[in-house]
Amino acid sequence: RQHCTRKYLVTCSESLILSHGQGPGLDLVEKETDPQQVVMVNLSCLLLKNLDNVGSCRSLRVCILADNFISTIDALITCVHIVKLDLKGNQITQLPGVVFWDSLRRLQLLHLHDNNMGTRKNIEGLSGCPNLTALTLYDTPLSLKGNYRHCIINSVWSLKALDNYVVSDEEIIENCILPLHFKPLCHNFYLNLYPAAKMVCRPSCAP
């Protein structure tokens, strides 16, 4: 099955970006013809193996890349206007370093759940993302580690929400003890960061 899947993996071409992208205008029917003018692109479930040509989208603000086979995202370093980046369900094991994330100074919402990061070292570069407000890392090996939330929250200081829960003061301030309704992971703090139900898009090898 894996061999069959690899056979059909595709490169992220300019034509693919333009056919799934949207420019700054209000006309949703007429497709953008210049990658540098694309502000939103949805490339989910397309069997992508890389992000070739995405770096040419210099105006990109919303980038949806969920459920592909992407392992590296370095090409996005030139997309400095990104506000939302969805990388859910890929094959990422290692994120770029601090310099990469420092270049994405407008990034506020980042989805990384259902990937393969296993240690804090795999994601330590995120500390360089100055305005990252909400992050998802659930369904990764890292999220199963003890003291996981405390480590992430105190590494990425701008975070307000992690994995569908607002960050509690008790998770930030050492020896802070708050009333029950302010406790970490309290139902009062629940926030669904990934509300859209998505189909499983992995291909079949059936003839």
C-alpha atoms as a PDB file:
ATOM      1  CA  ARG A   1       0.000   0.000   0.000  1.00  0.00           C
ATOM      2  CA  GLN A   2       2.803   2.446   0.844  1.00  0.00           C
ATOM      3  CA  HIS A   3       4.503   1.658  -2.469  1.00  0.00           C
ATOM      4  CA  CYS A   4       1.232   2.293  -4.286  1.00  0.00           C
ATOM      5  CA  THR A   5       0.765   5.586  -2.458  1.00  0.00           C
ATOM      6  CA  ARG A   6       4.276   6.848  -3.276  1.00  0.00           C
ATOM      7  CA  LYS A   7       3.675   6.092  -6.943  1.00  0.00           C
ATOM      8  CA  TYR A   8       0.939   8.718  -7.044  1.00  0.00           C
ATOM      9  CA  LEU A   9       2.541  11.482  -4.956  1.00  0.00           C
ATOM     10  CA  VAL A  10       2.644  14.805  -6.770  1.00  0.00           C
ATOM     11  CA  THR A  11       4.766  17.939  -6.810  1.00  0.00           C
ATOM     12  CA  CYS A  12       3.167  21.245  -5.876  1.00  0.00           C
ATOM     13  CA  SER A  13       3.143  22.927  -9.277  1.00  0.00           C
ATOM     14  CA  GLU A  14       2.277  26.541 -10.039  1.00  0.00           C
ATOM     15  CA  SER A  15      -0.820  25.444 -11.950  1.00  0.00           C
ATOM     16  CA  LEU A  16      -1.990  23.426  -8.952  1.00  0.00           C
ATOM     17  CA  ILE A  17      -1.591  26.439  -6.682  1.00  0.00           C
ATOM     18  CA  LEU A  18      -3.494  28.704  -9.047  1.00  0.00           C
ATOM     19  CA  SER A  19      -6.331  26.222  -9.507  1.00  0.00           C
ATOM     20  CA  HIS A  20      -6.794  25.918  -5.719  1.00  0.00           C
ATOM     21  CA  GLY A  21      -5.953  29.493  -4.784  1.00  0.00           C
ATOM     22  CA  GLN A  22      -7.790  32.752  -4.411  1.00  0.00           C
ATOM     23  CA  GLY A  23      -6.599  36.273  -5.114  1.00  0.00           C
ATOM     24  CA  PRO A  24      -7.390  39.438  -3.170  1.00  0.00           C
ATOM     25  CA  GLY A  25     -10.521  40.212  -5.218  1.00  0.00           C
ATOM     26  CA  LEU A  26     -14.097  39.342  -4.282  1.00  0.00           C
ATOM     27  CA  ASP A  27     -14.733  37.385  -7.478  1.00  0.00           C
ATOM     28  CA  LEU A  28     -14.576  33.710  -6.442  1.00  0.00           C
ATOM     29  CA  VAL A  29     -15.353  32.457  -9.943  1.00  0.00           C
ATOM     30  CA  GLU A  30     -12.425  33.914 -11.841  1.00  0.00           C
ATOM     31  CA  LYS A  31      -9.162  32.225 -10.815  1.00  0.00           C
ATOM     32  CA  GLU A  32      -6.017  34.149 -10.001  1.00  0.00           C
ATOM     33  CA  THR A  33      -3.311  33.960 -12.701  1.00  0.00           C
ATOM     34  CA  ASP A  34      -0.374  35.365 -10.752  1.00  0.00           C
ATOM     35  CA  PRO A  35       0.994  33.288  -7.820  1.00  0.00           C
ATOM     36  CA  GLN A  36       2.314  36.435  -6.168  1.00  0.00           C
ATOM     37  CA  GLN A  37      -1.261  37.696  -5.797  1.00  0.00           C
ATOM     38  CA  VAL A  38      -2.689  34.537  -4.197  1.00  0.00           C
ATOM     39  CA  VAL A  39      -3.832  35.276  -0.634  1.00  0.00           C
ATOM     40  CA  MET A  40      -5.512  31.953   0.198  1.00  0.00           C
ATOM     41  CA  VAL A  41      -4.806  28.440  -1.016  1.00  0.00           C
ATOM     42  CA  ASN A  42      -6.394  25.111  -0.078  1.00  0.00           C
ATOM     43  CA  LEU A  43      -4.175  22.212  -1.129  1.00  0.00           C
ATOM     44  CA  SER A  44      -5.502  19.593   1.280  1.00  0.00           C
ATOM     45  CA  CYS A  45      -5.872  15.934   0.282  1.00  0.00           C
ATOM     46  CA  LEU A  46      -3.902  16.233  -2.969  1.00  0.00           C
ATOM     47  CA  LEU A  47      -1.115  13.689  -2.317  1.00  0.00           C
ATOM     48  CA  LEU A  48       1.491  16.449  -2.197  1.00  0.00           C
ATOM     49  CA  LYS A  49       5.036  15.338  -1.484  1.00  0.00           C
ATOM     50  CA  ASN A  50       6.613  18.805  -1.335  1.00  0.00           C
ATOM     51  CA  LEU A  51       5.900  22.539  -1.320  1.00  0.00           C
ATOM     52  CA  ASP A  52       7.694  23.468  -4.514  1.00  0.00           C
ATOM     53  CA  ASN A  53       6.428  26.804  -5.903  1.00  0.00           C
ATOM     54  CA  VAL A  54       4.477  27.759  -2.760  1.00  0.00           C
ATOM     55  CA  GLY A  55       7.286  30.156  -1.888  1.00  0.00           C
ATOM     56  CA  SER A  56       6.331  32.281  -4.898  1.00  0.00           C
ATOM     57  CA  CYS A  57       3.021  33.167  -3.194  1.00  0.00           C
ATOM     58  CA  ARG A  58       4.419  36.256  -1.494  1.00  0.00           C
ATOM     59  CA  SER A  59       0.972  37.609  -0.532  1.00  0.00           C
ATOM     60  CA  LEU A  60      -0.289  34.359   1.019  1.00  0.00           C
ATOM     61  CA  ARG A  61      -2.273  34.793   4.250  1.00  0.00           C
ATOM     62  CA  VAL A  62      -4.154  31.501   4.637  1.00  0.00           C
ATOM     63  CA  CYS A  63      -2.406  28.272   3.645  1.00  0.00           C
ATOM     64  CA  ILE A  64      -4.236  24.931   3.995  1.00  0.00           C
ATOM     65  CA  LEU A  65      -2.011  21.903   3.393  1.00  0.00           C
ATOM     66  CA  ALA A  66      -3.789  19.274   5.480  1.00  0.00           C
ATOM     67  CA  ASP A  67      -3.702  15.522   4.813  1.00  0.00           C
ATOM     68  CA  ASN A  68      -0.818  15.261   2.388  1.00  0.00           C
ATOM     69  CA  PHE A  69       2.616  13.628   2.498  1.00  0.00           C
ATOM     70  CA  ILE A  70       4.711  16.713   3.198  1.00  0.00           C
ATOM     71  CA  SER A  71       7.814  16.258   5.349  1.00  0.00           C
ATOM     72  CA  THR A  72       9.579  19.629   5.029  1.00  0.00           C
ATOM     73  CA  ILE A  73       8.126  23.149   4.982  1.00  0.00           C
ATOM     74  CA  ASP A  74      11.214  25.324   4.430  1.00  0.00           C
ATOM     75  CA  ALA A  75       9.761  26.698   1.178  1.00  0.00           C
ATOM     76  CA  LEU A  76       7.277  28.739   3.203  1.00  0.00           C
ATOM     77  CA  ILE A  77       9.963  31.051   4.602  1.00  0.00           C
ATOM     78  CA  THR A  78       9.218  33.654   1.928  1.00  0.00           C
ATOM     79  CA  CYS A  79       5.484  33.685   2.705  1.00  0.00           C
ATOM     80  CA  VAL A  80       5.895  36.304   5.403  1.00  0.00           C
ATOM     81  CA  HIS A  81       2.230  37.395   5.450  1.00  0.00           C
ATOM     82  CA  ILE A  82       0.780  34.047   6.532  1.00  0.00           C
ATOM     83  CA  VAL A  83      -1.713  34.336   9.394  1.00  0.00           C
ATOM     84  CA  LYS A  84      -3.072  30.768   9.351  1.00  0.00           C
ATOM     85  CA  LEU A  85      -1.100  27.645   8.414  1.00  0.00           C
ATOM     86  CA  ASP A  86      -2.716  24.189   8.440  1.00  0.00           C
ATOM     87  CA  LEU A  87      -0.264  21.273   8.231  1.00  0.00           C
ATOM     88  CA  LYS A  88      -2.437  18.691   9.924  1.00  0.00           C
ATOM     89  CA  GLY A  89      -2.027  15.040   8.890  1.00  0.00           C
ATOM     90  CA  ASN A  90       1.310  15.143   7.077  1.00  0.00           C
ATOM     91  CA  GLN A  91       4.638  13.359   7.619  1.00  0.00           C
ATOM     92  CA  ILE A  92       6.533  16.071   9.449  1.00  0.00           C
ATOM     93  CA  THR A  93       9.054  14.883  12.017  1.00  0.00           C
ATOM     94  CA  GLN A  94      11.255  17.960  12.299  1.00  0.00           C
ATOM     95  CA  LEU A  95      10.277  21.626  12.101  1.00  0.00           C
ATOM     96  CA  PRO A  96      12.602  24.355  10.805  1.00  0.00           C
ATOM     97  CA  GLY A  97      14.667  26.421  13.228  1.00  0.00           C
ATOM     98  CA  VAL A  98      14.117  29.797  14.853  1.00  0.00           C
ATOM     99  CA  VAL A  99      15.106  31.841  11.776  1.00  0.00           C
ATOM    100  CA  PHE A 100      12.277  30.284   9.750  1.00  0.00           C
ATOM    101  CA  TRP A 101       9.610  31.013  12.348  1.00  0.00           C
ATOM    102  CA  ASP A 102      10.918  34.486  13.054  1.00  0.00           C
ATOM    103  CA  SER A 103      10.266  35.307   9.387  1.00  0.00           C
ATOM    104  CA  LEU A 104       6.577  34.375   9.806  1.00  0.00           C
ATOM    105  CA  ARG A 105       5.932  37.244  12.180  1.00  0.00           C
ATOM    106  CA  ARG A 106       2.217  37.476  11.341  1.00  0.00           C
ATOM    107  CA  LEU A 107       1.444  33.797  11.929  1.00  0.00           C
ATOM    108  CA  GLN A 108      -1.232  33.392  14.612  1.00  0.00           C
ATOM    109  CA  LEU A 109      -2.823  29.975  14.065  1.00  0.00           C
ATOM    110  CA  LEU A 110      -0.778  26.840  13.366  1.00  0.00           C
ATOM    111  CA  HIS A 111      -2.149  23.299  13.012  1.00  0.00           C
ATOM    112  CA  LEU A 112       0.447  20.545  13.398  1.00  0.00           C
ATOM    113  CA  HIS A 113      -1.639  17.745  14.888  1.00  0.00           C
ATOM    114  CA  ASP A 114      -1.485  14.225  13.445  1.00  0.00           C
ATOM    115  CA  ASN A 115       2.206  14.508  12.505  1.00  0.00           C
ATOM    116  CA  ASN A 116       5.302  12.661  13.738  1.00  0.00           C
ATOM    117  CA  MET A 117       7.172  15.071  16.003  1.00  0.00           C
ATOM    118  CA  GLY A 118       8.408  13.047  18.972  1.00  0.00           C
ATOM    119  CA  THR A 119      10.516  15.362  21.123  1.00  0.00           C
ATOM    120  CA  ARG A 120      10.701  19.022  22.127  1.00  0.00           C
ATOM    121  CA  LYS A 121      13.846  19.307  20.036  1.00  0.00           C
ATOM    122  CA  ASN A 122      11.743  18.594  16.938  1.00  0.00           C
ATOM    123  CA  ILE A 123       9.714  21.762  17.483  1.00  0.00           C
ATOM    124  CA  GLU A 124      11.992  24.061  19.500  1.00  0.00           C
ATOM    125  CA  GLY A 125      12.198  26.543  16.617  1.00  0.00           C
ATOM    126  CA  LEU A 126       8.584  27.555  17.318  1.00  0.00           C
ATOM    127  CA  SER A 127       9.887  29.720  20.152  1.00  0.00           C
ATOM    128  CA  GLY A 128      10.954  32.167  17.431  1.00  0.00           C
ATOM    129  CA  CYS A 129       7.383  32.748  16.191  1.00  0.00           C
ATOM    130  CA  PRO A 130       6.561  36.060  17.895  1.00  0.00           C
ATOM    131  CA  ASN A 131       2.780  36.233  17.438  1.00  0.00           C
ATOM    132  CA  LEU A 132       1.708  32.581  17.458  1.00  0.00           C
ATOM    133  CA  THR A 133      -1.525  32.576  19.448  1.00  0.00           C
ATOM    134  CA  ALA A 134      -3.049  29.120  18.906  1.00  0.00           C
ATOM    135  CA  LEU A 135      -1.300  25.799  18.224  1.00  0.00           C
ATOM    136  CA  THR A 136      -2.425  22.194  17.805  1.00  0.00           C
ATOM    137  CA  LEU A 137      -0.004  19.318  18.434  1.00  0.00           C
ATOM    138  CA  TYR A 138      -2.348  16.577  19.605  1.00  0.00           C
ATOM    139  CA  ASP A 139      -2.108  13.119  18.013  1.00  0.00           C
ATOM    140  CA  THR A 140       1.677  13.420  17.803  1.00  0.00           C
ATOM    141  CA  PRO A 141       4.167  11.315  19.777  1.00  0.00           C
ATOM    142  CA  LEU A 142       5.249  14.507  21.538  1.00  0.00           C
ATOM    143  CA  SER A 143       1.763  15.119  22.929  1.00  0.00           C
ATOM    144  CA  LEU A 144       1.995  11.820  24.851  1.00  0.00           C
ATOM    145  CA  LYS A 145       5.041  12.937  26.832  1.00  0.00           C
ATOM    146  CA  GLY A 146       4.680  13.816  30.493  1.00  0.00           C
ATOM    147  CA  ASN A 147       4.510  17.535  31.299  1.00  0.00           C
ATOM    148  CA  TYR A 148       3.888  18.186  27.608  1.00  0.00           C
ATOM    149  CA  ARG A 149       1.613  21.216  27.930  1.00  0.00           C
ATOM    150  CA  HIS A 150       3.809  22.911  30.513  1.00  0.00           C
ATOM    151  CA  CYS A 151       6.895  22.554  28.300  1.00  0.00           C
ATOM    152  CA  ILE A 152       5.224  23.882  25.144  1.00  0.00           C
ATOM    153  CA  ILE A 153       3.436  26.773  26.830  1.00  0.00           C
ATOM    154  CA  ASN A 154       6.608  27.928  28.543  1.00  0.00           C
ATOM    155  CA  SER A 155       8.605  27.655  25.319  1.00  0.00           C
ATOM    156  CA  VAL A 156       6.216  29.589  23.079  1.00  0.00           C
ATOM    157  CA  TRP A 157       5.321  32.539  25.292  1.00  0.00           C
ATOM    158  CA  SER A 158       2.822  34.099  22.899  1.00  0.00           C
ATOM    159  CA  LEU A 159       0.466  31.080  23.055  1.00  0.00           C
ATOM    160  CA  LYS A 160      -3.069  31.671  24.305  1.00  0.00           C
ATOM    161  CA  ALA A 161      -4.464  28.247  23.359  1.00  0.00           C
ATOM    162  CA  LEU A 162      -2.936  24.786  22.911  1.00  0.00           C
ATOM    163  CA  ASP A 163      -4.796  21.709  21.674  1.00  0.00           C
ATOM    164  CA  ASN A 164      -8.338  22.986  22.115  1.00  0.00           C
ATOM    165  CA  TYR A 165      -7.805  24.500  25.569  1.00  0.00           C
ATOM    166  CA  VAL A 166      -7.073  28.086  26.500  1.00  0.00           C
ATOM    167  CA  VAL A 167      -3.819  28.394  28.415  1.00  0.00           C
ATOM    168  CA  SER A 168      -4.423  28.751  32.141  1.00  0.00           C
ATOM    169  CA  ASP A 169      -2.398  31.077  34.373  1.00  0.00           C
ATOM    170  CA  GLU A 170      -1.688  28.023  36.499  1.00  0.00           C
ATOM    171  CA  GLU A 171       0.243  26.554  33.565  1.00  0.00           C
ATOM    172  CA  ILE A 172       2.406  29.651  33.289  1.00  0.00           C
ATOM    173  CA  ILE A 173       2.981  30.920  36.813  1.00  0.00           C
ATOM    174  CA  GLU A 174       5.060  28.626  38.991  1.00  0.00           C
ATOM    175  CA  ASN A 175       3.304  27.444  42.186  1.00  0.00           C
ATOM    176  CA  CYS A 176       0.129  29.266  41.168  1.00  0.00           C
ATOM    177  CA  ILE A 177      -3.030  27.670  42.611  1.00  0.00           C
ATOM    178  CA  LEU A 178      -6.371  28.861  41.277  1.00  0.00           C
ATOM    179  CA  PRO A 179     -10.044  28.001  41.955  1.00  0.00           C
ATOM    180  CA  LEU A 180     -11.398  24.898  40.226  1.00  0.00           C
ATOM    181  CA  HIS A 181     -13.087  26.798  37.369  1.00  0.00           C
ATOM    182  CA  PHE A 182      -9.700  28.300  36.417  1.00  0.00           C
ATOM    183  CA  LYS A 183      -7.800  25.011  36.468  1.00  0.00           C
ATOM    184  CA  PRO A 184      -5.892  23.810  33.364  1.00  0.00           C
ATOM    185  CA  LEU A 185      -8.014  21.770  30.934  1.00  0.00           C
ATOM    186  CA  CYS A 186     -11.182  22.865  32.700  1.00  0.00           C
ATOM    187  CA  HIS A 187     -14.300  22.653  30.503  1.00  0.00           C
ATOM    188  CA  ASN A 188     -14.638  26.429  30.840  1.00  0.00           C
ATOM    189  CA  PHE A 189     -11.392  26.739  28.887  1.00  0.00           C
ATOM    190  CA  TYR A 190     -12.376  24.425  26.037  1.00  0.00           C
ATOM    191  CA  LEU A 191     -11.938  25.946  22.576  1.00  0.00           C
ATOM    192  CA  ASN A 192     -12.343  23.896  19.388  1.00  0.00           C
ATOM    193  CA  LEU A 193      -9.400  25.043  17.278  1.00  0.00           C
ATOM    194  CA  TYR A 194     -10.154  22.637  14.423  1.00  0.00           C
ATOM    195  CA  PRO A 195     -13.951  22.569  14.057  1.00  0.00           C
ATOM    196  CA  ALA A 196     -14.237  21.534  10.403  1.00  0.00           C
ATOM    197  CA  ALA A 197     -14.778  17.804  10.018  1.00  0.00           C
ATOM    198  CA  LYS A 198     -12.446  16.540   7.316  1.00  0.00           C
ATOM    199  CA  MET A 199     -12.571  13.310   5.356  1.00  0.00           C
ATOM    200  CA  VAL A 200      -9.758  10.804   5.483  1.00  0.00           C
ATOM    201  CA  CYS A 201      -8.082  11.344   2.146  1.00  0.00           C
ATOM    202  CA  ARG A 202      -5.475   8.595   2.013  1.00  0.00           C
ATOM    203  CA  PRO A 203      -5.646   6.800  -1.343  1.00  0.00           C
ATOM    204  CA  SER A 204      -6.608   3.194  -1.860  1.00  0.00           C
ATOM    205  CA  CYS A 205      -4.535   0.660  -3.777  1.00  0.00           C
ATOM    206  CA  ALA A 206      -7.533  -1.163  -5.034  1.00  0.00           C
ATOM    207  CA  PRO A 207      -7.540  -1.589  -8.822  1.00  0.00           C
END
